């Protein structure tokens, strides 16, 4: 299923043939972009499923390893006890039992000791056999769990590589579409399952809402109010202040930016937005304007921050 989906993505990714097919129309590019976004969602969910299975396999491997270690430790103690019993039996067995009995100051104690030695030797012999079986079973379980973890991890790596390739294809198709018709950017899906992508999707649902100074939703926003509102919906609390949001995450380079990252402008950081992709951002610009998508190149770029 994965190979089929990836093959379909590869077909969609082909911009043309050796015969230089005409440039696709905006509608055709939009169709390709939506199909790629659907494939990305499928691949991402399969990746997430494998991640869960890997965690389960790793936990099973740890439980089996701990069990094997406990069995080995207990077995070692019994081995030492058996060694002591064997040495005692050997030393007693080196003398004629009748002579030992006659010479013993406490014959009953000797009988009791001999009987005790035979009893524990027999009991521990059975115990050792059972423990050996249990330890071997634990070691087999550990090996099986480790092999299962390795298999799942390998599949997850292959799936992740496919997901990255389809993501790259989607970005290229989206770039061509936006270049042809910039108004399409706001209509395309935001790819990704992380909180940053989720926050951006929610923020984009507020496009067209008016800018109001000091507002933080749900109907009106200022620039930091929009980002604060969007991230709050996904469980991340940001301060209603650009300067504080600047310090709320990890600073990243312009080339590392992904959809949902925060972007800041001017030396005093008095304006910010959320990166959408393709060199554009979603923001609440100023009084008299509305939440919209704009190029990030229109203002002095100060930096970007990843909070999720």
C-alpha atoms as a PDB file:
ATOM      1  CA  UNK A   1       0.000   0.000   0.000  1.00  0.00           C
ATOM      2  CA  UNK A   2       2.841   2.345   0.815  1.00  0.00           C
ATOM      3  CA  UNK A   3       4.641   1.642  -2.431  1.00  0.00           C
ATOM      4  CA  UNK A   4       1.454   2.236  -4.390  1.00  0.00           C
ATOM      5  CA  UNK A   5       0.809   5.549  -2.684  1.00  0.00           C
ATOM      6  CA  UNK A   6       4.370   6.678  -3.228  1.00  0.00           C
ATOM      7  CA  UNK A   7       4.310   5.656  -6.857  1.00  0.00           C
ATOM      8  CA  UNK A   8       1.172   7.721  -7.329  1.00  0.00           C
ATOM      9  CA  UNK A   9       2.905  10.670  -5.697  1.00  0.00           C
ATOM     10  CA  UNK A  10       5.857  10.256  -8.021  1.00  0.00           C
ATOM     11  CA  UNK A  11       3.538  10.400 -11.008  1.00  0.00           C
ATOM     12  CA  UNK A  12       1.907  13.539  -9.692  1.00  0.00           C
ATOM     13  CA  UNK A  13       5.314  15.034  -9.025  1.00  0.00           C
ATOM     14  CA  UNK A  14       6.381  14.837 -12.666  1.00  0.00           C
ATOM     15  CA  UNK A  15       6.109  18.376 -14.070  1.00  0.00           C
ATOM     16  CA  UNK A  16       6.402  17.190 -17.616  1.00  0.00           C
ATOM     17  CA  UNK A  17       7.966  14.703 -19.997  1.00  0.00           C
ATOM     18  CA  UNK A  18      10.805  14.695 -22.476  1.00  0.00           C
ATOM     19  CA  UNK A  19       8.344  16.302 -24.913  1.00  0.00           C
ATOM     20  CA  UNK A  20       7.999  19.404 -22.703  1.00  0.00           C
ATOM     21  CA  UNK A  21       4.305  19.183 -21.905  1.00  0.00           C
ATOM     22  CA  UNK A  22       2.556  22.496 -21.377  1.00  0.00           C
ATOM     23  CA  UNK A  23       2.654  24.044 -17.900  1.00  0.00           C
ATOM     24  CA  UNK A  24      -0.302  22.766 -15.819  1.00  0.00           C
ATOM     25  CA  UNK A  25      -3.079  25.219 -15.125  1.00  0.00           C
ATOM     26  CA  UNK A  26      -3.753  26.578 -11.646  1.00  0.00           C
ATOM     27  CA  UNK A  27      -6.706  24.207 -11.344  1.00  0.00           C
ATOM     28  CA  UNK A  28      -4.565  21.182 -12.293  1.00  0.00           C
ATOM     29  CA  UNK A  29      -1.869  22.196  -9.825  1.00  0.00           C
ATOM     30  CA  UNK A  30      -4.477  22.662  -7.123  1.00  0.00           C
ATOM     31  CA  UNK A  31      -5.827  19.149  -7.796  1.00  0.00           C
ATOM     32  CA  UNK A  32      -2.296  17.716  -7.574  1.00  0.00           C
ATOM     33  CA  UNK A  33      -1.648  19.587  -4.338  1.00  0.00           C
ATOM     34  CA  UNK A  34      -4.810  18.261  -2.702  1.00  0.00           C
ATOM     35  CA  UNK A  35      -4.057  14.680  -3.798  1.00  0.00           C
ATOM     36  CA  UNK A  36      -0.534  14.949  -2.406  1.00  0.00           C
ATOM     37  CA  UNK A  37      -1.900  16.374   0.838  1.00  0.00           C
ATOM     38  CA  UNK A  38      -4.245  13.363   1.125  1.00  0.00           C
ATOM     39  CA  UNK A  39      -1.331  10.980   0.558  1.00  0.00           C
ATOM     40  CA  UNK A  40       0.691  12.831   3.181  1.00  0.00           C
ATOM     41  CA  UNK A  41      -2.117  12.412   5.686  1.00  0.00           C
ATOM     42  CA  UNK A  42      -2.255   8.673   4.990  1.00  0.00           C
ATOM     43  CA  UNK A  43       1.517   8.291   5.237  1.00  0.00           C
ATOM     44  CA  UNK A  44       1.624  10.328   8.431  1.00  0.00           C
ATOM     45  CA  UNK A  45      -1.041   8.204  10.116  1.00  0.00           C
ATOM     46  CA  UNK A  46       0.750   5.006   9.073  1.00  0.00           C
ATOM     47  CA  UNK A  47       3.963   6.493  10.463  1.00  0.00           C
ATOM     48  CA  UNK A  48       2.193   7.340  13.724  1.00  0.00           C
ATOM     49  CA  UNK A  49       0.810   3.793  13.914  1.00  0.00           C
ATOM     50  CA  UNK A  50       4.262   2.294  13.474  1.00  0.00           C
ATOM     51  CA  UNK A  51       5.600   4.652  16.135  1.00  0.00           C
ATOM     52  CA  UNK A  52       3.030   3.269  18.597  1.00  0.00           C
ATOM     53  CA  UNK A  53       3.936  -0.317  17.658  1.00  0.00           C
ATOM     54  CA  UNK A  54       7.631   0.459  18.113  1.00  0.00           C
ATOM     55  CA  UNK A  55       7.008   1.817  21.600  1.00  0.00           C
ATOM     56  CA  UNK A  56       5.024  -1.316  22.467  1.00  0.00           C
ATOM     57  CA  UNK A  57       7.792  -3.585  21.144  1.00  0.00           C
ATOM     58  CA  UNK A  58      10.448  -1.658  23.038  1.00  0.00           C
ATOM     59  CA  UNK A  59       8.457  -1.958  26.263  1.00  0.00           C
ATOM     60  CA  UNK A  60       8.033  -5.712  25.664  1.00  0.00           C
ATOM     61  CA  UNK A  61      11.778  -6.066  25.073  1.00  0.00           C
ATOM     62  CA  UNK A  62      12.559  -4.252  28.326  1.00  0.00           C
ATOM     63  CA  UNK A  63      10.124  -6.391  30.331  1.00  0.00           C
ATOM     64  CA  UNK A  64      11.623  -9.578  28.844  1.00  0.00           C
ATOM     65  CA  UNK A  65      15.173  -8.371  29.510  1.00  0.00           C
ATOM     66  CA  UNK A  66      14.342  -7.518  33.126  1.00  0.00           C
ATOM     67  CA  UNK A  67      12.712 -10.936  33.579  1.00  0.00           C
ATOM     68  CA  UNK A  68      15.741 -12.724  32.136  1.00  0.00           C
ATOM     69  CA  UNK A  69      18.071 -10.739  34.405  1.00  0.00           C
ATOM     70  CA  UNK A  70      16.013 -11.656  37.486  1.00  0.00           C
ATOM     71  CA  UNK A  71      15.997 -15.333  36.515  1.00  0.00           C
ATOM     72  CA  UNK A  72      19.754 -15.288  35.976  1.00  0.00           C
ATOM     73  CA  UNK A  73      20.397 -13.633  39.347  1.00  0.00           C
ATOM     74  CA  UNK A  74      18.208 -16.115  41.212  1.00  0.00           C
ATOM     75  CA  UNK A  75      19.745 -19.045  39.342  1.00  0.00           C
ATOM     76  CA  UNK A  76      23.224 -17.903  40.311  1.00  0.00           C
ATOM     77  CA  UNK A  77      22.233 -17.932  43.974  1.00  0.00           C
ATOM     78  CA  UNK A  78      20.898 -21.482  43.707  1.00  0.00           C
ATOM     79  CA  UNK A  79      24.048 -22.605  41.857  1.00  0.00           C
ATOM     80  CA  UNK A  80      26.185 -21.305  44.712  1.00  0.00           C
ATOM     81  CA  UNK A  81      23.991 -23.072  47.278  1.00  0.00           C
ATOM     82  CA  UNK A  82      24.162 -26.338  45.331  1.00  0.00           C
ATOM     83  CA  UNK A  83      27.931 -26.037  45.124  1.00  0.00           C
ATOM     84  CA  UNK A  84      28.121 -25.742  48.909  1.00  0.00           C
ATOM     85  CA  UNK A  85      25.791 -28.718  49.368  1.00  0.00           C
ATOM     86  CA  UNK A  86      27.816 -30.797  46.934  1.00  0.00           C
ATOM     87  CA  UNK A  87      31.052 -30.001  48.736  1.00  0.00           C
ATOM     88  CA  UNK A  88      29.516 -30.970  52.077  1.00  0.00           C
ATOM     89  CA  UNK A  89      28.117 -34.203  50.667  1.00  0.00           C
ATOM     90  CA  UNK A  90      31.468 -35.070  49.117  1.00  0.00           C
ATOM     91  CA  UNK A  91      33.340 -34.508  52.373  1.00  0.00           C
ATOM     92  CA  UNK A  92      30.857 -36.664  54.270  1.00  0.00           C
ATOM     93  CA  UNK A  93      30.842 -39.296  51.574  1.00  0.00           C
ATOM     94  CA  UNK A  94      34.602 -39.750  51.921  1.00  0.00           C
ATOM     95  CA  UNK A  95      34.136 -41.602  55.243  1.00  0.00           C
ATOM     96  CA  UNK A  96      32.416 -44.921  55.945  1.00  0.00           C
ATOM     97  CA  UNK A  97      28.900 -43.900  57.006  1.00  0.00           C
ATOM     98  CA  UNK A  98      28.815 -46.602  59.713  1.00  0.00           C
ATOM     99  CA  UNK A  99      32.129 -45.444  61.191  1.00  0.00           C
ATOM    100  CA  UNK A 100      30.982 -41.867  61.081  1.00  0.00           C
ATOM    101  CA  UNK A 101      27.767 -42.819  62.820  1.00  0.00           C
ATOM    102  CA  UNK A 102      29.577 -44.709  65.617  1.00  0.00           C
ATOM    103  CA  UNK A 103      32.165 -41.978  66.069  1.00  0.00           C
ATOM    104  CA  UNK A 104      29.652 -39.155  66.004  1.00  0.00           C
ATOM    105  CA  UNK A 105      29.083 -37.436  69.319  1.00  0.00           C
ATOM    106  CA  UNK A 106      25.504 -36.740  68.207  1.00  0.00           C
ATOM    107  CA  UNK A 107      24.406 -39.579  65.843  1.00  0.00           C
ATOM    108  CA  UNK A 108      20.860 -38.178  65.526  1.00  0.00           C
ATOM    109  CA  UNK A 109      22.227 -34.819  64.393  1.00  0.00           C
ATOM    110  CA  UNK A 110      24.289 -36.584  61.734  1.00  0.00           C
ATOM    111  CA  UNK A 111      21.247 -38.453  60.457  1.00  0.00           C
ATOM    112  CA  UNK A 112      19.253 -35.255  60.407  1.00  0.00           C
ATOM    113  CA  UNK A 113      22.031 -33.433  58.554  1.00  0.00           C
ATOM    114  CA  UNK A 114      22.417 -36.151  55.943  1.00  0.00           C
ATOM    115  CA  UNK A 115      18.674 -36.295  55.351  1.00  0.00           C
ATOM    116  CA  UNK A 116      18.525 -32.513  55.092  1.00  0.00           C
ATOM    117  CA  UNK A 117      21.358 -32.441  52.564  1.00  0.00           C
ATOM    118  CA  UNK A 118      19.680 -35.051  50.364  1.00  0.00           C
ATOM    119  CA  UNK A 119      16.331 -33.253  50.602  1.00  0.00           C
ATOM    120  CA  UNK A 120      17.663 -29.837  49.625  1.00  0.00           C
ATOM    121  CA  UNK A 121      19.876 -31.277  46.914  1.00  0.00           C
ATOM    122  CA  UNK A 122      16.839 -32.958  45.350  1.00  0.00           C
ATOM    123  CA  UNK A 123      14.650 -29.886  45.765  1.00  0.00           C
ATOM    124  CA  UNK A 124      17.232 -27.477  44.381  1.00  0.00           C
ATOM    125  CA  UNK A 125      17.973 -29.802  41.506  1.00  0.00           C
ATOM    126  CA  UNK A 126      14.323 -29.568  40.451  1.00  0.00           C
ATOM    127  CA  UNK A 127      14.342 -25.841  41.113  1.00  0.00           C
ATOM    128  CA  UNK A 128      17.413 -25.304  38.954  1.00  0.00           C
ATOM    129  CA  UNK A 129      15.832 -27.214  36.077  1.00  0.00           C
ATOM    130  CA  UNK A 130      12.658 -25.139  36.314  1.00  0.00           C
ATOM    131  CA  UNK A 131      14.593 -21.903  36.567  1.00  0.00           C
ATOM    132  CA  UNK A 132      16.752 -22.794  33.581  1.00  0.00           C
ATOM    133  CA  UNK A 133      13.612 -23.305  31.524  1.00  0.00           C
ATOM    134  CA  UNK A 134      12.136 -20.023  32.745  1.00  0.00           C
ATOM    135  CA  UNK A 135      15.341 -18.136  32.014  1.00  0.00           C
ATOM    136  CA  UNK A 136      15.606 -19.600  28.518  1.00  0.00           C
ATOM    137  CA  UNK A 137      11.985 -18.642  27.859  1.00  0.00           C
ATOM    138  CA  UNK A 138      12.674 -15.088  29.083  1.00  0.00           C
ATOM    139  CA  UNK A 139      15.743 -14.816  26.876  1.00  0.00           C
ATOM    140  CA  UNK A 140      13.782 -16.062  23.862  1.00  0.00           C
ATOM    141  CA  UNK A 141      11.055 -13.508  24.587  1.00  0.00           C
ATOM    142  CA  UNK A 142      13.644 -10.749  24.858  1.00  0.00           C
ATOM    143  CA  UNK A 143      15.264 -11.713  21.567  1.00  0.00           C
ATOM    144  CA  UNK A 144      11.877 -11.892  19.839  1.00  0.00           C
ATOM    145  CA  UNK A 145      10.866  -8.470  21.191  1.00  0.00           C
ATOM    146  CA  UNK A 146      14.181  -6.936  20.146  1.00  0.00           C
ATOM    147  CA  UNK A 147      13.828  -8.361  16.640  1.00  0.00           C
ATOM    148  CA  UNK A 148      10.263  -7.040  16.431  1.00  0.00           C
ATOM    149  CA  UNK A 149      11.460  -3.593  17.538  1.00  0.00           C
ATOM    150  CA  UNK A 150      14.182  -3.608  14.889  1.00  0.00           C
ATOM    151  CA  UNK A 151      11.693  -4.585  12.160  1.00  0.00           C
ATOM    152  CA  UNK A 152       9.208  -1.880  13.153  1.00  0.00           C
ATOM    153  CA  UNK A 153      11.990   0.707  13.405  1.00  0.00           C
ATOM    154  CA  UNK A 154      13.179  -0.195   9.905  1.00  0.00           C
ATOM    155  CA  UNK A 155       9.650   0.122   8.487  1.00  0.00           C
ATOM    156  CA  UNK A 156       9.200   3.431  10.262  1.00  0.00           C
ATOM    157  CA  UNK A 157      12.424   4.721   8.711  1.00  0.00           C
ATOM    158  CA  UNK A 158      11.321   3.681   5.225  1.00  0.00           C
ATOM    159  CA  UNK A 159       7.907   5.252   5.717  1.00  0.00           C
ATOM    160  CA  UNK A 160       9.445   8.456   7.032  1.00  0.00           C
ATOM    161  CA  UNK A 161      11.668   8.676   3.947  1.00  0.00           C
ATOM    162  CA  UNK A 162       8.604   8.315   1.711  1.00  0.00           C
ATOM    163  CA  UNK A 163       6.746  10.916   3.729  1.00  0.00           C
ATOM    164  CA  UNK A 164       9.610  13.388   3.329  1.00  0.00           C
ATOM    165  CA  UNK A 165       9.710  12.817  -0.435  1.00  0.00           C
ATOM    166  CA  UNK A 166       5.976  13.374  -0.792  1.00  0.00           C
ATOM    167  CA  UNK A 167       6.262  16.478   1.399  1.00  0.00           C
ATOM    168  CA  UNK A 168       8.973  17.819  -0.889  1.00  0.00           C
ATOM    169  CA  UNK A 169       6.794  17.143  -3.937  1.00  0.00           C
ATOM    170  CA  UNK A 170       3.857  18.882  -2.280  1.00  0.00           C
ATOM    171  CA  UNK A 171       5.989  21.933  -1.496  1.00  0.00           C
ATOM    172  CA  UNK A 172       7.109  22.155  -5.129  1.00  0.00           C
ATOM    173  CA  UNK A 173       3.572  21.843  -6.494  1.00  0.00           C
ATOM    174  CA  UNK A 174       2.329  24.374  -3.975  1.00  0.00           C
ATOM    175  CA  UNK A 175       5.126  26.760  -4.931  1.00  0.00           C
ATOM    176  CA  UNK A 176       4.241  26.522  -8.621  1.00  0.00           C
ATOM    177  CA  UNK A 177       0.564  27.074  -7.836  1.00  0.00           C
ATOM    178  CA  UNK A 178       1.196  30.106  -5.613  1.00  0.00           C
ATOM    179  CA  UNK A 179       3.508  31.579  -8.229  1.00  0.00           C
ATOM    180  CA  UNK A 180       0.744  31.219 -10.795  1.00  0.00           C
ATOM    181  CA  UNK A 181      -2.059  32.358  -8.460  1.00  0.00           C
ATOM    182  CA  UNK A 182      -0.989  33.722  -5.019  1.00  0.00           C
ATOM    183  CA  UNK A 183      -4.591  33.730  -3.782  1.00  0.00           C
ATOM    184  CA  UNK A 184      -4.554  29.909  -3.772  1.00  0.00           C
ATOM    185  CA  UNK A 185      -2.150  29.662  -0.843  1.00  0.00           C
ATOM    186  CA  UNK A 186      -4.868  30.188   1.743  1.00  0.00           C
ATOM    187  CA  UNK A 187      -7.014  27.491   0.121  1.00  0.00           C
ATOM    188  CA  UNK A 188      -4.405  24.724   0.269  1.00  0.00           C
ATOM    189  CA  UNK A 189      -4.192  22.244   3.156  1.00  0.00           C
ATOM    190  CA  UNK A 190      -1.612  22.825   5.884  1.00  0.00           C
ATOM    191  CA  UNK A 191       0.374  19.598   5.932  1.00  0.00           C
ATOM    192  CA  UNK A 192       1.676  18.104   9.149  1.00  0.00           C
ATOM    193  CA  UNK A 193       0.255  16.685  12.374  1.00  0.00           C
ATOM    194  CA  UNK A 194       2.330  18.610  14.900  1.00  0.00           C
ATOM    195  CA  UNK A 195       0.916  21.314  17.138  1.00  0.00           C
ATOM    196  CA  UNK A 196       2.439  24.071  14.988  1.00  0.00           C
ATOM    197  CA  UNK A 197       0.555  22.831  11.908  1.00  0.00           C
ATOM    198  CA  UNK A 198      -2.632  22.424  13.951  1.00  0.00           C
ATOM    199  CA  UNK A 199      -2.303  25.968  15.318  1.00  0.00           C
ATOM    200  CA  UNK A 200      -1.770  27.351  11.818  1.00  0.00           C
ATOM    201  CA  UNK A 201      -4.883  25.567  10.507  1.00  0.00           C
ATOM    202  CA  UNK A 202      -6.935  27.150  13.274  1.00  0.00           C
ATOM    203  CA  UNK A 203      -5.412  30.574  12.684  1.00  0.00           C
ATOM    204  CA  UNK A 204      -6.182  30.354   8.959  1.00  0.00           C
ATOM    205  CA  UNK A 205      -9.832  29.794   9.813  1.00  0.00           C
ATOM    206  CA  UNK A 206      -9.778  33.409  11.069  1.00  0.00           C
ATOM    207  CA  UNK A 207      -8.797  34.913   7.728  1.00  0.00           C
ATOM    208  CA  UNK A 208     -10.845  38.035   7.028  1.00  0.00           C
ATOM    209  CA  UNK A 209     -11.440  38.813  10.718  1.00  0.00           C
ATOM    210  CA  UNK A 210     -10.627  42.444  11.622  1.00  0.00           C
ATOM    211  CA  UNK A 211      -7.527  43.695  13.364  1.00  0.00           C
ATOM    212  CA  UNK A 212      -8.308  45.249  16.741  1.00  0.00           C
ATOM    213  CA  UNK A 213      -5.552  46.545  18.987  1.00  0.00           C
ATOM    214  CA  UNK A 214      -5.236  44.427  22.152  1.00  0.00           C
ATOM    215  CA  UNK A 215      -7.661  41.760  20.905  1.00  0.00           C
ATOM    216  CA  UNK A 216      -6.921  38.044  21.220  1.00  0.00           C
ATOM    217  CA  UNK A 217      -9.955  36.429  19.618  1.00  0.00           C
ATOM    218  CA  UNK A 218     -12.111  34.709  18.964  1.00  0.00           C
ATOM    219  CA  UNK A 219     -13.472  37.276  16.493  1.00  0.00           C
ATOM    220  CA  UNK A 220     -10.877  40.077  16.424  1.00  0.00           C
ATOM    221  CA  UNK A 221      -7.113  40.018  16.832  1.00  0.00           C
ATOM    222  CA  UNK A 222      -3.912  41.977  16.966  1.00  0.00           C
ATOM    223  CA  UNK A 223      -0.686  40.340  15.744  1.00  0.00           C
ATOM    224  CA  UNK A 224       0.425  38.607  18.966  1.00  0.00           C
ATOM    225  CA  UNK A 225      -3.210  38.007  19.945  1.00  0.00           C
ATOM    226  CA  UNK A 226      -3.706  35.864  16.824  1.00  0.00           C
ATOM    227  CA  UNK A 227      -0.698  33.652  17.529  1.00  0.00           C
ATOM    228  CA  UNK A 228      -1.581  33.439  21.225  1.00  0.00           C
ATOM    229  CA  UNK A 229      -5.154  32.375  20.423  1.00  0.00           C
ATOM    230  CA  UNK A 230      -4.112  29.784  17.826  1.00  0.00           C
ATOM    231  CA  UNK A 231      -1.546  28.086  20.026  1.00  0.00           C
ATOM    232  CA  UNK A 232      -3.827  28.154  23.061  1.00  0.00           C
ATOM    233  CA  UNK A 233      -6.292  25.983  21.113  1.00  0.00           C
ATOM    234  CA  UNK A 234      -3.633  23.245  20.891  1.00  0.00           C
ATOM    235  CA  UNK A 235      -2.611  23.445  24.530  1.00  0.00           C
ATOM    236  CA  UNK A 236       0.306  25.895  24.351  1.00  0.00           C
ATOM    237  CA  UNK A 237       0.049  29.112  26.339  1.00  0.00           C
ATOM    238  CA  UNK A 238       1.893  32.108  24.900  1.00  0.00           C
ATOM    239  CA  UNK A 239       2.031  35.610  26.400  1.00  0.00           C
ATOM    240  CA  UNK A 240       0.108  38.390  24.650  1.00  0.00           C
ATOM    241  CA  UNK A 241       3.297  40.251  23.802  1.00  0.00           C
ATOM    242  CA  UNK A 242       5.656  39.902  20.826  1.00  0.00           C
ATOM    243  CA  UNK A 243       8.755  40.343  22.989  1.00  0.00           C
ATOM    244  CA  UNK A 244       7.757  37.462  25.264  1.00  0.00           C
ATOM    245  CA  UNK A 245       6.772  35.200  22.371  1.00  0.00           C
ATOM    246  CA  UNK A 246      10.218  35.860  20.891  1.00  0.00           C
ATOM    247  CA  UNK A 247      11.639  34.053  23.930  1.00  0.00           C
ATOM    248  CA  UNK A 248       8.980  31.327  24.098  1.00  0.00           C
ATOM    249  CA  UNK A 249      10.727  28.736  21.937  1.00  0.00           C
ATOM    250  CA  UNK A 250      13.800  27.817  19.907  1.00  0.00           C
ATOM    251  CA  UNK A 251      15.262  30.362  17.499  1.00  0.00           C
ATOM    252  CA  UNK A 252      15.662  28.936  13.999  1.00  0.00           C
ATOM    253  CA  UNK A 253      17.122  30.185  10.751  1.00  0.00           C
ATOM    254  CA  UNK A 254      15.038  31.440   7.872  1.00  0.00           C
ATOM    255  CA  UNK A 255      15.872  28.308   5.894  1.00  0.00           C
ATOM    256  CA  UNK A 256      14.583  26.046   8.695  1.00  0.00           C
ATOM    257  CA  UNK A 257      11.137  27.614   8.941  1.00  0.00           C
ATOM    258  CA  UNK A 258       8.115  25.302   8.774  1.00  0.00           C
ATOM    259  CA  UNK A 259       4.365  26.052   8.703  1.00  0.00           C
ATOM    260  CA  UNK A 260       3.238  27.313  12.090  1.00  0.00           C
ATOM    261  CA  UNK A 261       6.585  28.763  13.187  1.00  0.00           C
ATOM    262  CA  UNK A 262       6.452  32.314  14.536  1.00  0.00           C
ATOM    263  CA  UNK A 263       8.086  35.036  12.448  1.00  0.00           C
ATOM    264  CA  UNK A 264       9.119  38.443  13.820  1.00  0.00           C
ATOM    265  CA  UNK A 265       9.863  41.804  12.243  1.00  0.00           C
ATOM    266  CA  UNK A 266      11.638  45.085  13.037  1.00  0.00           C
ATOM    267  CA  UNK A 267      14.422  45.557  15.554  1.00  0.00           C
ATOM    268  CA  UNK A 268      11.968  46.101  18.396  1.00  0.00           C
ATOM    269  CA  UNK A 269       9.912  43.013  17.388  1.00  0.00           C
ATOM    270  CA  UNK A 270       6.703  45.030  17.261  1.00  0.00           C
ATOM    271  CA  UNK A 271       5.121  42.840  14.568  1.00  0.00           C
ATOM    272  CA  UNK A 272       4.845  39.079  14.102  1.00  0.00           C
ATOM    273  CA  UNK A 273       2.928  36.372  12.286  1.00  0.00           C
ATOM    274  CA  UNK A 274       2.829  32.621  11.574  1.00  0.00           C
ATOM    275  CA  UNK A 275       4.842  31.163   8.705  1.00  0.00           C
ATOM    276  CA  UNK A 276       2.639  29.522   6.077  1.00  0.00           C
ATOM    277  CA  UNK A 277       5.254  28.447   3.542  1.00  0.00           C
ATOM    278  CA  UNK A 278       6.420  29.727   0.192  1.00  0.00           C
ATOM    279  CA  UNK A 279       7.895  32.851   1.769  1.00  0.00           C
ATOM    280  CA  UNK A 280       4.538  33.941   3.159  1.00  0.00           C
ATOM    281  CA  UNK A 281       2.940  34.392   6.572  1.00  0.00           C
ATOM    282  CA  UNK A 282      -0.478  34.668   8.160  1.00  0.00           C
ATOM    283  CA  UNK A 283      -0.844  37.754  10.342  1.00  0.00           C
ATOM    284  CA  UNK A 284      -3.104  40.475  11.697  1.00  0.00           C
ATOM    285  CA  UNK A 285      -1.426  43.513  10.129  1.00  0.00           C
ATOM    286  CA  UNK A 286      -2.785  46.791  11.500  1.00  0.00           C
ATOM    287  CA  UNK A 287      -5.862  48.866  12.308  1.00  0.00           C
ATOM    288  CA  UNK A 288      -8.275  48.913   9.379  1.00  0.00           C
ATOM    289  CA  UNK A 289      -6.938  45.638   8.000  1.00  0.00           C
ATOM    290  CA  UNK A 290      -7.900  41.984   8.457  1.00  0.00           C
ATOM    291  CA  UNK A 291      -6.180  38.676   9.176  1.00  0.00           C
ATOM    292  CA  UNK A 292      -4.582  37.668   5.896  1.00  0.00           C
ATOM    293  CA  UNK A 293      -1.597  36.085   4.144  1.00  0.00           C
ATOM    294  CA  UNK A 294       1.264  38.354   3.106  1.00  0.00           C
ATOM    295  CA  UNK A 295       4.879  37.975   1.925  1.00  0.00           C
ATOM    296  CA  UNK A 296       7.379  37.954   4.777  1.00  0.00           C
ATOM    297  CA  UNK A 297       9.690  40.007   2.587  1.00  0.00           C
ATOM    298  CA  UNK A 298       7.579  43.130   2.960  1.00  0.00           C
ATOM    299  CA  UNK A 299       9.066  44.049   6.372  1.00  0.00           C
ATOM    300  CA  UNK A 300      12.511  43.962   8.035  1.00  0.00           C
ATOM    301  CA  UNK A 301      12.851  40.318   9.102  1.00  0.00           C
ATOM    302  CA  UNK A 302      14.090  39.891  12.686  1.00  0.00           C
ATOM    303  CA  UNK A 303      13.962  36.099  13.041  1.00  0.00           C
ATOM    304  CA  UNK A 304      11.846  33.011  13.577  1.00  0.00           C
ATOM    305  CA  UNK A 305      10.927  30.957  16.632  1.00  0.00           C
ATOM    306  CA  UNK A 306       9.638  27.384  16.906  1.00  0.00           C
ATOM    307  CA  UNK A 307       7.434  26.798  19.926  1.00  0.00           C
ATOM    308  CA  UNK A 308       6.160  23.308  19.018  1.00  0.00           C
END
